[in-house]
Amino acid sequence: MEKVFVAQRVASKLYATEAAVDAAMVEVTEMMAELIQARKDLGLSPVVANGASAKFAEAIQALATARTAVVDAHAELDETRLRIGVRTRMAGVFDKLLSDGAPTGLRAAS
């Protein structure tokens, strides 16, 4: 199989992974905000559900750590791509995917 196609497949999964971690961070952050708003709407003391809020804060921190790890892995994979001789050029926006899931921004250099 041609290296560029394998690299495109890996890049597609990498971008999907990055998007999934970001989406999880958004969901947990929105959940925490909703919990705080619900407590305020019900006129409850700040101590109510404080333990749950702390757990959500831990989840956000864990996701931030995971995001950093994925970003670091992205950088290492980019170095690997160069070492194996796959050159690419930017041609589009990365969040737009082709029908096969490959990012539109990754193309073999001509």
PDB file of N, CA and C in Angstrom:
ATOM      1  N   MET A   1       0.848  -1.179   0.000  1.00  0.00           N
ATOM      2  CA  MET A   1       0.000   0.000   0.000  1.00  0.00           C
ATOM      3  C   MET A   1       0.892   1.239   0.000  1.00  0.00           C
ATOM      4  N   GLU A   2       0.507   2.241  -0.732  1.00  0.00           N
ATOM      5  CA  GLU A   2       1.292   3.456  -0.849  1.00  0.00           C
ATOM      6  C   GLU A   2       1.319   4.200   0.493  1.00  0.00           C
ATOM      7  N   LYS A   3       2.504   4.693   0.848  1.00  0.00           N
ATOM      8  CA  LYS A   3       2.692   5.353   2.144  1.00  0.00           C
ATOM      9  C   LYS A   3       1.744   6.514   2.375  1.00  0.00           C
ATOM     10  N   VAL A   4       1.491   7.286   1.343  1.00  0.00           N
ATOM     11  CA  VAL A   4       0.642   8.463   1.540  1.00  0.00           C
ATOM     12  C   VAL A   4      -0.776   8.067   1.932  1.00  0.00           C
ATOM     13  N   PHE A   5      -1.275   6.955   1.407  1.00  0.00           N
ATOM     14  CA  PHE A   5      -2.619   6.511   1.764  1.00  0.00           C
ATOM     15  C   PHE A   5      -2.668   6.010   3.200  1.00  0.00           C
ATOM     16  N   VAL A   6      -1.618   5.339   3.626  1.00  0.00           N
ATOM     17  CA  VAL A   6      -1.540   4.898   5.018  1.00  0.00           C
ATOM     18  C   VAL A   6      -1.464   6.119   5.933  1.00  0.00           C
ATOM     19  N   ALA A   7      -0.651   7.105   5.547  1.00  0.00           N
ATOM     20  CA  ALA A   7      -0.539   8.332   6.332  1.00  0.00           C
ATOM     21  C   ALA A   7      -1.882   9.058   6.404  1.00  0.00           C
ATOM     22  N   GLN A   8      -2.620   9.081   5.306  1.00  0.00           N
ATOM     23  CA  GLN A   8      -3.941   9.715   5.307  1.00  0.00           C
ATOM     24  C   GLN A   8      -4.890   8.999   6.261  1.00  0.00           C
ATOM     25  N   ARG A   9      -4.833   7.675   6.270  1.00  0.00           N
ATOM     26  CA  ARG A   9      -5.685   6.892   7.164  1.00  0.00           C
ATOM     27  C   ARG A   9      -5.367   7.195   8.627  1.00  0.00           C
ATOM     28  N   VAL A  10      -4.069   7.241   8.945  1.00  0.00           N
ATOM     29  CA  VAL A  10      -3.649   7.550  10.313  1.00  0.00           C
ATOM     30  C   VAL A  10      -4.047   8.984  10.670  1.00  0.00           C
ATOM     31  N   ALA A  11      -3.844   9.918   9.753  1.00  0.00           N
ATOM     32  CA  ALA A  11      -4.200  11.317  10.003  1.00  0.00           C
ATOM     33  C   ALA A  11      -5.698  11.459  10.260  1.00  0.00           C
ATOM     34  N   SER A  12      -6.490  10.733   9.512  1.00  0.00           N
ATOM     35  CA  SER A  12      -7.937  10.788   9.697  1.00  0.00           C
ATOM     36  C   SER A  12      -8.322  10.354  11.106  1.00  0.00           C
ATOM     37  N   LYS A  13      -7.750   9.254  11.575  1.00  0.00           N
ATOM     38  CA  LYS A  13      -8.020   8.777  12.941  1.00  0.00           C
ATOM     39  C   LYS A  13      -7.490   9.757  13.977  1.00  0.00           C
ATOM     40  N   LEU A  14      -6.331  10.340  13.708  1.00  0.00           N
ATOM     41  CA  LEU A  14      -5.751  11.306  14.635  1.00  0.00           C
ATOM     42  C   LEU A  14      -6.679  12.510  14.790  1.00  0.00           C
ATOM     43  N   TYR A  15      -7.152  13.063  13.682  1.00  0.00           N
ATOM     44  CA  TYR A  15      -8.042  14.221  13.748  1.00  0.00           C
ATOM     45  C   TYR A  15      -9.352  13.862  14.440  1.00  0.00           C
ATOM     46  N   ALA A  16      -9.863  12.668  14.182  1.00  0.00           N
ATOM     47  CA  ALA A  16     -11.092  12.225  14.852  1.00  0.00           C
ATOM     48  C   ALA A  16     -10.869  12.090  16.360  1.00  0.00           C
ATOM     49  N   THR A  17      -9.703  11.580  16.741  1.00  0.00           N
ATOM     50  CA  THR A  17      -9.369  11.447  18.160  1.00  0.00           C
ATOM     51  C   THR A  17      -9.280  12.805  18.824  1.00  0.00           C
ATOM     52  N   GLU A  18      -8.598  13.751  18.172  1.00  0.00           N
ATOM     53  CA  GLU A  18      -8.487  15.107  18.715  1.00  0.00           C
ATOM     54  C   GLU A  18      -9.876  15.732  18.877  1.00  0.00           C
ATOM     55  N   ALA A  19     -10.725  15.560  17.880  1.00  0.00           N
ATOM     56  CA  ALA A  19     -12.077  16.117  17.937  1.00  0.00           C
ATOM     57  C   ALA A  19     -12.897  15.470  19.051  1.00  0.00           C
ATOM     58  N   ALA A  20     -12.719  14.170  19.251  1.00  0.00           N
ATOM     59  CA  ALA A  20     -13.466  13.464  20.292  1.00  0.00           C
ATOM     60  C   ALA A  20     -13.067  13.950  21.693  1.00  0.00           C
ATOM     61  N   VAL A  21     -11.784  14.157  21.909  1.00  0.00           N
ATOM     62  CA  VAL A  21     -11.330  14.663  23.207  1.00  0.00           C
ATOM     63  C   VAL A  21     -11.870  16.072  23.434  1.00  0.00           C
ATOM     64  N   ASP A  22     -11.799  16.906  22.405  1.00  0.00           N
ATOM     65  CA  ASP A  22     -12.344  18.264  22.525  1.00  0.00           C
ATOM     66  C   ASP A  22     -13.844  18.224  22.817  1.00  0.00           C
ATOM     67  N   ALA A  23     -14.569  17.359  22.122  1.00  0.00           N
ATOM     68  CA  ALA A  23     -16.012  17.252  22.332  1.00  0.00           C
ATOM     69  C   ALA A  23     -16.326  16.779  23.753  1.00  0.00           C
ATOM     70  N   ALA A  24     -15.529  15.841  24.252  1.00  0.00           N
ATOM     71  CA  ALA A  24     -15.729  15.374  25.621  1.00  0.00           C
ATOM     72  C   ALA A  24     -15.487  16.500  26.617  1.00  0.00           C
ATOM     73  N   MET A  25     -14.461  17.318  26.363  1.00  0.00           N
ATOM     74  CA  MET A  25     -14.198  18.454  27.247  1.00  0.00           C
ATOM     75  C   MET A  25     -15.376  19.427  27.241  1.00  0.00           C
ATOM     76  N   VAL A  26     -15.939  19.675  26.074  1.00  0.00           N
ATOM     77  CA  VAL A  26     -17.094  20.569  25.978  1.00  0.00           C
ATOM     78  C   VAL A  26     -18.265  19.990  26.763  1.00  0.00           C
ATOM     79  N   GLU A  27     -18.539  18.706  26.598  1.00  0.00           N
ATOM     80  CA  GLU A  27     -19.671  18.070  27.285  1.00  0.00           C
ATOM     81  C   GLU A  27     -19.520  18.136  28.800  1.00  0.00           C
ATOM     82  N   VAL A  28     -18.341  17.822  29.304  1.00  0.00           N
ATOM     83  CA  VAL A  28     -18.132  17.832  30.756  1.00  0.00           C
ATOM     84  C   VAL A  28     -18.220  19.260  31.291  1.00  0.00           C
ATOM     85  N   THR A  29     -17.655  20.203  30.564  1.00  0.00           N
ATOM     86  CA  THR A  29     -17.720  21.600  30.989  1.00  0.00           C
ATOM     87  C   THR A  29     -19.165  22.090  30.999  1.00  0.00           C
ATOM     88  N   GLU A  30     -19.932  21.738  29.961  1.00  0.00           N
ATOM     89  CA  GLU A  30     -21.340  22.123  29.924  1.00  0.00           C
ATOM     90  C   GLU A  30     -22.124  21.446  31.043  1.00  0.00           C
ATOM     91  N   MET A  31     -21.775  20.198  31.365  1.00  0.00           N
ATOM     92  CA  MET A  31     -22.441  19.502  32.461  1.00  0.00           C
ATOM     93  C   MET A  31     -22.185  20.215  33.776  1.00  0.00           C
ATOM     94  N   MET A  32     -20.950  20.625  33.993  1.00  0.00           N
ATOM     95  CA  MET A  32     -20.618  21.334  35.225  1.00  0.00           C
ATOM     96  C   MET A  32     -21.381  22.656  35.299  1.00  0.00           C
ATOM     97  N   ALA A  33     -21.435  23.385  34.199  1.00  0.00           N
ATOM     98  CA  ALA A  33     -22.182  24.644  34.173  1.00  0.00           C
ATOM     99  C   ALA A  33     -23.665  24.410  34.445  1.00  0.00           C
ATOM    100  N   GLU A  34     -24.205  23.343  33.858  1.00  0.00           N
ATOM    101  CA  GLU A  34     -25.620  23.015  34.075  1.00  0.00           C
ATOM    102  C   GLU A  34     -25.891  22.668  35.533  1.00  0.00           C
ATOM    103  N   LEU A  35     -24.987  21.942  36.145  1.00  0.00           N
ATOM    104  CA  LEU A  35     -25.124  21.578  37.557  1.00  0.00           C
ATOM    105  C   LEU A  35     -25.133  22.830  38.433  1.00  0.00           C
ATOM    106  N   ILE A  36     -24.232  23.748  38.154  1.00  0.00           N
ATOM    107  CA  ILE A  36     -24.166  24.999  38.918  1.00  0.00           C
ATOM    108  C   ILE A  36     -25.436  25.817  38.697  1.00  0.00           C
ATOM    109  N   GLN A  37     -25.888  25.914  37.433  1.00  0.00           N
ATOM    110  CA  GLN A  37     -27.103  26.675  37.142  1.00  0.00           C
ATOM    111  C   GLN A  37     -28.321  26.039  37.800  1.00  0.00           C
ATOM    112  N   ALA A  38     -28.411  24.722  37.795  1.00  0.00           N
ATOM    113  CA  ALA A  38     -29.538  24.031  38.431  1.00  0.00           C
ATOM    114  C   ALA A  38     -29.563  24.324  39.930  1.00  0.00           C
ATOM    115  N   ARG A  39     -28.406  24.299  40.555  1.00  0.00           N
ATOM    116  CA  ARG A  39     -28.322  24.595  41.985  1.00  0.00           C
ATOM    117  C   ARG A  39     -28.798  26.013  42.261  1.00  0.00           C
ATOM    118  N   LYS A  40     -28.360  26.962  41.406  1.00  0.00           N
ATOM    119  CA  LYS A  40     -28.776  28.352  41.575  1.00  0.00           C
ATOM    120  C   LYS A  40     -30.276  28.514  41.318  1.00  0.00           C
ATOM    121  N   ASP A  41     -30.795  27.861  40.263  1.00  0.00           N
ATOM    122  CA  ASP A  41     -32.222  27.965  39.938  1.00  0.00           C
ATOM    123  C   ASP A  41     -33.100  27.437  41.063  1.00  0.00           C
ATOM    124  N   LEU A  42     -32.606  26.428  41.758  1.00  0.00           N
ATOM    125  CA  LEU A  42     -33.370  25.849  42.859  1.00  0.00           C
ATOM    126  C   LEU A  42     -33.107  26.558  44.184  1.00  0.00           C
ATOM    127  N   GLY A  43     -32.227  27.540  44.174  1.00  0.00           N
ATOM    128  CA  GLY A  43     -31.923  28.292  45.389  1.00  0.00           C
ATOM    129  C   GLY A  43     -31.203  27.459  46.432  1.00  0.00           C
ATOM    130  N   LEU A  44     -30.391  26.512  45.981  1.00  0.00           N
ATOM    131  CA  LEU A  44     -29.687  25.634  46.913  1.00  0.00           C
ATOM    132  C   LEU A  44     -28.342  26.226  47.308  1.00  0.00           C
ATOM    133  N   SER A  45     -27.896  25.828  48.450  1.00  0.00           N
ATOM    134  CA  SER A  45     -26.615  26.276  48.977  1.00  0.00           C
ATOM    135  C   SER A  45     -25.471  25.807  48.075  1.00  0.00           C
ATOM    136  N   PRO A  46     -24.389  26.581  48.026  1.00  0.00           N
ATOM    137  CA  PRO A  46     -23.218  26.156  47.244  1.00  0.00           C
ATOM    138  C   PRO A  46     -22.629  24.817  47.698  1.00  0.00           C
ATOM    139  N   VAL A  47     -22.928  24.392  48.923  1.00  0.00           N
ATOM    140  CA  VAL A  47     -22.380  23.113  49.389  1.00  0.00           C
ATOM    141  C   VAL A  47     -23.118  21.916  48.794  1.00  0.00           C
ATOM    142  N   VAL A  48     -24.334  22.170  48.262  1.00  0.00           N
ATOM    143  CA  VAL A  48     -25.103  21.080  47.658  1.00  0.00           C
ATOM    144  C   VAL A  48     -24.409  20.646  46.365  1.00  0.00           C
ATOM    145  N   ALA A  49     -24.185  19.372  46.246  1.00  0.00           N
ATOM    146  CA  ALA A  49     -23.553  18.755  45.071  1.00  0.00           C
ATOM    147  C   ALA A  49     -22.118  19.231  44.869  1.00  0.00           C
ATOM    148  N   ASN A  50     -21.496  19.744  45.930  1.00  0.00           N
ATOM    149  CA  ASN A  50     -20.102  20.174  45.805  1.00  0.00           C
ATOM    150  C   ASN A  50     -19.197  19.003  45.446  1.00  0.00           C
ATOM    151  N   GLY A  51     -19.475  17.839  45.985  1.00  0.00           N
ATOM    152  CA  GLY A  51     -18.677  16.653  45.660  1.00  0.00           C
ATOM    153  C   GLY A  51     -18.771  16.296  44.186  1.00  0.00           C
ATOM    154  N   ALA A  52     -19.968  16.378  43.630  1.00  0.00           N
ATOM    155  CA  ALA A  52     -20.150  16.090  42.204  1.00  0.00           C
ATOM    156  C   ALA A  52     -19.418  17.132  41.362  1.00  0.00           C
ATOM    157  N   SER A  53     -19.506  18.401  41.756  1.00  0.00           N
ATOM    158  CA  SER A  53     -18.792  19.456  41.026  1.00  0.00           C
ATOM    159  C   SER A  53     -17.294  19.189  41.031  1.00  0.00           C
ATOM    160  N   ALA A  54     -16.773  18.766  42.170  1.00  0.00           N
ATOM    161  CA  ALA A  54     -15.344  18.460  42.268  1.00  0.00           C
ATOM    162  C   ALA A  54     -14.969  17.300  41.347  1.00  0.00           C
ATOM    163  N   LYS A  55     -15.844  16.316  41.241  1.00  0.00           N
ATOM    164  CA  LYS A  55     -15.577  15.180  40.348  1.00  0.00           C
ATOM    165  C   LYS A  55     -15.561  15.630  38.886  1.00  0.00           C
ATOM    166  N   PHE A  56     -16.478  16.523  38.521  1.00  0.00           N
ATOM    167  CA  PHE A  56     -16.472  17.036  37.154  1.00  0.00           C
ATOM    168  C   PHE A  56     -15.207  17.849  36.893  1.00  0.00           C
ATOM    169  N   ALA A  57     -14.767  18.602  37.884  1.00  0.00           N
ATOM    170  CA  ALA A  57     -13.516  19.352  37.734  1.00  0.00           C
ATOM    171  C   ALA A  57     -12.346  18.388  37.522  1.00  0.00           C
ATOM    172  N   GLU A  58     -12.345  17.268  38.234  1.00  0.00           N
ATOM    173  CA  GLU A  58     -11.307  16.240  38.038  1.00  0.00           C
ATOM    174  C   GLU A  58     -11.384  15.673  36.615  1.00  0.00           C
ATOM    175  N   ALA A  59     -12.602  15.463  36.129  1.00  0.00           N
ATOM    176  CA  ALA A  59     -12.775  14.930  34.773  1.00  0.00           C
ATOM    177  C   ALA A  59     -12.238  15.907  33.736  1.00  0.00           C
ATOM    178  N   ILE A  60     -12.490  17.200  33.938  1.00  0.00           N
ATOM    179  CA  ILE A  60     -11.970  18.209  33.013  1.00  0.00           C
ATOM    180  C   ILE A  60     -10.449  18.185  33.015  1.00  0.00           C
ATOM    181  N   GLN A  61      -9.857  18.079  34.206  1.00  0.00           N
ATOM    182  CA  GLN A  61      -8.396  18.028  34.282  1.00  0.00           C
ATOM    183  C   GLN A  61      -7.850  16.774  33.592  1.00  0.00           C
ATOM    184  N   ALA A  62      -8.516  15.655  33.787  1.00  0.00           N
ATOM    185  CA  ALA A  62      -8.079  14.411  33.143  1.00  0.00           C
ATOM    186  C   ALA A  62      -8.172  14.534  31.617  1.00  0.00           C
ATOM    187  N   LEU A  63      -9.239  15.155  31.139  1.00  0.00           N
ATOM    188  CA  LEU A  63      -9.381  15.349  29.698  1.00  0.00           C
ATOM    189  C   LEU A  63      -8.340  16.326  29.158  1.00  0.00           C
ATOM    190  N   ALA A  64      -7.996  17.338  29.949  1.00  0.00           N
ATOM    191  CA  ALA A  64      -6.952  18.273  29.526  1.00  0.00           C
ATOM    192  C   ALA A  64      -5.615  17.552  29.424  1.00  0.00           C
ATOM    193  N   THR A  65      -5.356  16.644  30.349  1.00  0.00           N
ATOM    194  CA  THR A  65      -4.139  15.835  30.300  1.00  0.00           C
ATOM    195  C   THR A  65      -4.155  14.929  29.070  1.00  0.00           C
ATOM    196  N   ALA A  66      -5.298  14.320  28.801  1.00  0.00           N
ATOM    197  CA  ALA A  66      -5.434  13.468  27.615  1.00  0.00           C
ATOM    198  C   ALA A  66      -5.234  14.278  26.341  1.00  0.00           C
ATOM    199  N   ARG A  67      -5.778  15.489  26.305  1.00  0.00           N
ATOM    200  CA  ARG A  67      -5.635  16.339  25.122  1.00  0.00           C
ATOM    201  C   ARG A  67      -4.169  16.675  24.874  1.00  0.00           C
ATOM    202  N   THR A  68      -3.454  16.995  25.941  1.00  0.00           N
ATOM    203  CA  THR A  68      -2.026  17.289  25.818  1.00  0.00           C
ATOM    204  C   THR A  68      -1.277  16.077  25.270  1.00  0.00           C
ATOM    205  N   ALA A  69      -1.618  14.886  25.757  1.00  0.00           N
ATOM    206  CA  ALA A  69      -0.965  13.665  25.282  1.00  0.00           C
ATOM    207  C   ALA A  69      -1.247  13.438  23.794  1.00  0.00           C
ATOM    208  N   VAL A  70      -2.481  13.673  23.370  1.00  0.00           N
ATOM    209  CA  VAL A  70      -2.835  13.484  21.963  1.00  0.00           C
ATOM    210  C   VAL A  70      -2.108  14.508  21.086  1.00  0.00           C
ATOM    211  N   VAL A  71      -2.037  15.747  21.552  1.00  0.00           N
ATOM    212  CA  VAL A  71      -1.326  16.781  20.797  1.00  0.00           C
ATOM    213  C   VAL A  71       0.164  16.425  20.694  1.00  0.00           C
ATOM    214  N   ASP A  72       0.746  15.936  21.784  1.00  0.00           N
ATOM    215  CA  ASP A  72       2.145  15.507  21.751  1.00  0.00           C
ATOM    216  C   ASP A  72       2.344  14.341  20.785  1.00  0.00           C
ATOM    217  N   ALA A  73       1.397  13.395  20.792  1.00  0.00           N
ATOM    218  CA  ALA A  73       1.469  12.268  19.862  1.00  0.00           C
ATOM    219  C   ALA A  73       1.366  12.765  18.421  1.00  0.00           C
ATOM    220  N   HIS A  74       0.537  13.767  18.194  1.00  0.00           N
ATOM    221  CA  HIS A  74       0.393  14.355  16.865  1.00  0.00           C
ATOM    222  C   HIS A  74       1.748  14.872  16.372  1.00  0.00           C
ATOM    223  N   ALA A  75       2.443  15.582  17.238  1.00  0.00           N
ATOM    224  CA  ALA A  75       3.753  16.116  16.858  1.00  0.00           C
ATOM    225  C   ALA A  75       4.736  14.988  16.537  1.00  0.00           C
ATOM    226  N   GLU A  76       4.720  13.931  17.339  1.00  0.00           N
ATOM    227  CA  GLU A  76       5.621  12.801  17.077  1.00  0.00           C
ATOM    228  C   GLU A  76       5.268  12.110  15.767  1.00  0.00           C
ATOM    229  N   LEU A  77       3.973  11.972  15.499  1.00  0.00           N
ATOM    230  CA  LEU A  77       3.565  11.346  14.240  1.00  0.00           C
ATOM    231  C   LEU A  77       3.952  12.194  13.044  1.00  0.00           C
ATOM    232  N   ASP A  78       3.913  13.509  13.221  1.00  0.00           N
ATOM    233  CA  ASP A  78       4.330  14.380  12.127  1.00  0.00           C
ATOM    234  C   ASP A  78       5.816  14.191  11.837  1.00  0.00           C
ATOM    235  N   GLU A  79       6.626  14.042  12.878  1.00  0.00           N
ATOM    236  CA  GLU A  79       8.053  13.772  12.678  1.00  0.00           C
ATOM    237  C   GLU A  79       8.252  12.419  11.992  1.00  0.00           C
ATOM    238  N   THR A  80       7.472  11.432  12.388  1.00  0.00           N
ATOM    239  CA  THR A  80       7.562  10.104  11.774  1.00  0.00           C
ATOM    240  C   THR A  80       7.195  10.183  10.295  1.00  0.00           C
ATOM    241  N   ARG A  81       6.152  10.953   9.990  1.00  0.00           N
ATOM    242  CA  ARG A  81       5.738  11.126   8.597  1.00  0.00           C
ATOM    243  C   ARG A  81       6.899  11.649   7.753  1.00  0.00           C
ATOM    244  N   LEU A  82       7.607  12.617   8.284  1.00  0.00           N
ATOM    245  CA  LEU A  82       8.748  13.164   7.552  1.00  0.00           C
ATOM    246  C   LEU A  82       9.875  12.136   7.413  1.00  0.00           C
ATOM    247  N   ARG A  83      10.119  11.384   8.478  1.00  0.00           N
ATOM    248  CA  ARG A  83      11.197  10.384   8.435  1.00  0.00           C
ATOM    249  C   ARG A  83      10.938   9.271   7.434  1.00  0.00           C
ATOM    250  N   ILE A  84       9.674   8.921   7.236  1.00  0.00           N
ATOM    251  CA  ILE A  84       9.387   7.848   6.281  1.00  0.00           C
ATOM    252  C   ILE A  84       9.214   8.379   4.863  1.00  0.00           C
ATOM    253  N   GLY A  85       9.384   9.701   4.719  1.00  0.00           N
ATOM    254  CA  GLY A  85       9.392  10.284   3.387  1.00  0.00           C
ATOM    255  C   GLY A  85       8.050  10.656   2.814  1.00  0.00           C
ATOM    256  N   VAL A  86       7.054  10.866   3.663  1.00  0.00           N
ATOM    257  CA  VAL A  86       5.750  11.297   3.170  1.00  0.00           C
ATOM    258  C   VAL A  86       5.696  12.808   3.318  1.00  0.00           C
ATOM    259  N   ARG A  87       5.667  13.470   2.164  1.00  0.00           N
ATOM    260  CA  ARG A  87       5.564  14.924   2.157  1.00  0.00           C
ATOM    261  C   ARG A  87       4.120  15.279   1.856  1.00  0.00           C
ATOM    262  N   THR A  88       3.628  16.275   2.531  1.00  0.00           N
ATOM    263  CA  THR A  88       2.250  16.719   2.297  1.00  0.00           C
ATOM    264  C   THR A  88       2.243  18.220   2.100  1.00  0.00           C
ATOM    265  N   ARG A  89       1.159  18.682   1.537  1.00  0.00           N
ATOM    266  CA  ARG A  89       0.959  20.122   1.432  1.00  0.00           C
ATOM    267  C   ARG A  89      -0.433  20.418   1.959  1.00  0.00           C
ATOM    268  N   MET A  90      -0.618  21.600   2.447  1.00  0.00           N
ATOM    269  CA  MET A  90      -1.904  21.989   2.999  1.00  0.00           C
ATOM    270  C   MET A  90      -2.803  22.426   1.847  1.00  0.00           C
ATOM    271  N   ALA A  91      -4.022  21.906   1.818  1.00  0.00           N
ATOM    272  CA  ALA A  91      -4.944  22.256   0.736  1.00  0.00           C
ATOM    273  C   ALA A  91      -6.371  22.219   1.251  1.00  0.00           C
ATOM    274  N   GLY A  92      -6.699  23.063   2.190  1.00  0.00           N
ATOM    275  CA  GLY A  92      -8.063  23.080   2.698  1.00  0.00           C
ATOM    276  C   GLY A  92      -8.097  23.183   4.206  1.00  0.00           C
ATOM    277  N   VAL A  93      -9.267  22.958   4.738  1.00  0.00           N
ATOM    278  CA  VAL A  93      -9.491  23.059   6.176  1.00  0.00           C
ATOM    279  C   VAL A  93      -9.574  21.655   6.740  1.00  0.00           C
ATOM    280  N   PHE A  94      -8.892  21.416   7.857  1.00  0.00           N
ATOM    281  CA  PHE A  94      -8.815  20.071   8.404  1.00  0.00           C
ATOM    282  C   PHE A  94     -10.121  19.538   8.965  1.00  0.00           C
ATOM    283  N   ASP A  95     -11.030  20.390   9.401  1.00  0.00           N
ATOM    284  CA  ASP A  95     -12.252  19.842   9.972  1.00  0.00           C
ATOM    285  C   ASP A  95     -13.255  19.424   8.912  1.00  0.00           C
ATOM    286  N   LYS A  96     -12.933  19.630   7.650  1.00  0.00           N
ATOM    287  CA  LYS A  96     -13.763  19.132   6.552  1.00  0.00           C
ATOM    288  C   LYS A  96     -13.160  17.808   6.098  1.00  0.00           C
ATOM    289  N   LEU A  97     -13.922  16.738   6.217  1.00  0.00           N
ATOM    290  CA  LEU A  97     -13.418  15.422   5.876  1.00  0.00           C
ATOM    291  C   LEU A  97     -14.003  14.949   4.550  1.00  0.00           C
ATOM    292  N   LEU A  98     -13.221  14.155   3.851  1.00  0.00           N
ATOM    293  CA  LEU A  98     -13.710  13.527   2.632  1.00  0.00           C
ATOM    294  C   LEU A  98     -14.691  12.431   3.003  1.00  0.00           C
ATOM    295  N   SER A  99     -15.396  11.899   2.046  1.00  0.00           N
ATOM    296  CA  SER A  99     -16.386  10.868   2.325  1.00  0.00           C
ATOM    297  C   SER A  99     -15.775   9.632   2.970  1.00  0.00           C
ATOM    298  N   ASP A 100     -14.489   9.381   2.699  1.00  0.00           N
ATOM    299  CA  ASP A 100     -13.833   8.213   3.322  1.00  0.00           C
ATOM    300  C   ASP A 100     -13.237   8.552   4.673  1.00  0.00           C
ATOM    301  N   GLY A 101     -13.459   9.774   5.171  1.00  0.00           N
ATOM    302  CA  GLY A 101     -12.960  10.170   6.470  1.00  0.00           C
ATOM    303  C   GLY A 101     -11.609  10.831   6.448  1.00  0.00           C
ATOM    304  N   ALA A 102     -10.951  10.877   5.285  1.00  0.00           N
ATOM    305  CA  ALA A 102      -9.632  11.497   5.194  1.00  0.00           C
ATOM    306  C   ALA A 102      -9.783  13.009   5.214  1.00  0.00           C
ATOM    307  N   PRO A 103      -8.904  13.687   5.934  1.00  0.00           N
ATOM    308  CA  PRO A 103      -9.006  15.137   5.976  1.00  0.00           C
ATOM    309  C   PRO A 103      -8.701  15.749   4.616  1.00  0.00           C
ATOM    310  N   THR A 104      -9.401  16.790   4.263  1.00  0.00           N
ATOM    311  CA  THR A 104      -9.207  17.423   2.966  1.00  0.00           C
ATOM    312  C   THR A 104      -7.862  18.134   2.905  1.00  0.00           C
ATOM    313  N   GLY A 105      -7.271  18.453   4.044  1.00  0.00           N
ATOM    314  CA  GLY A 105      -6.027  19.216   4.058  1.00  0.00           C
ATOM    315  C   GLY A 105      -4.784  18.399   3.870  1.00  0.00           C
ATOM    316  N   LEU A 106      -4.889  17.086   3.782  1.00  0.00           N
ATOM    317  CA  LEU A 106      -3.701  16.236   3.641  1.00  0.00           C
ATOM    318  C   LEU A 106      -3.668  15.664   2.239  1.00  0.00           C
ATOM    319  N   ARG A 107      -2.700  16.076   1.492  1.00  0.00           N
ATOM    320  CA  ARG A 107      -2.532  15.619   0.108  1.00  0.00           C
ATOM    321  C   ARG A 107      -1.079  15.270  -0.111  1.00  0.00           C
ATOM    322  N   ALA A 108      -0.851  14.321  -0.965  1.00  0.00           N
ATOM    323  CA  ALA A 108       0.533  13.999  -1.317  1.00  0.00           C
ATOM    324  C   ALA A 108       1.133  15.152  -2.065  1.00  0.00           C
ATOM    325  N   ALA A 109       2.371  15.455  -1.755  1.00  0.00           N
ATOM    326  CA  ALA A 109       3.059  16.535  -2.462  1.00  0.00           C
ATOM    327  C   ALA A 109       3.364  16.059  -3.872  1.00  0.00           C
ATOM    328  N   SER A 110       3.188  16.969  -4.831  1.00  0.00           N
ATOM    329  CA  SER A 110       3.472  16.585  -6.209  1.00  0.00           C
ATOM    330  C   SER A 110       4.880  16.926  -6.589  1.00  0.00           C
TER     331      SER A 110
END
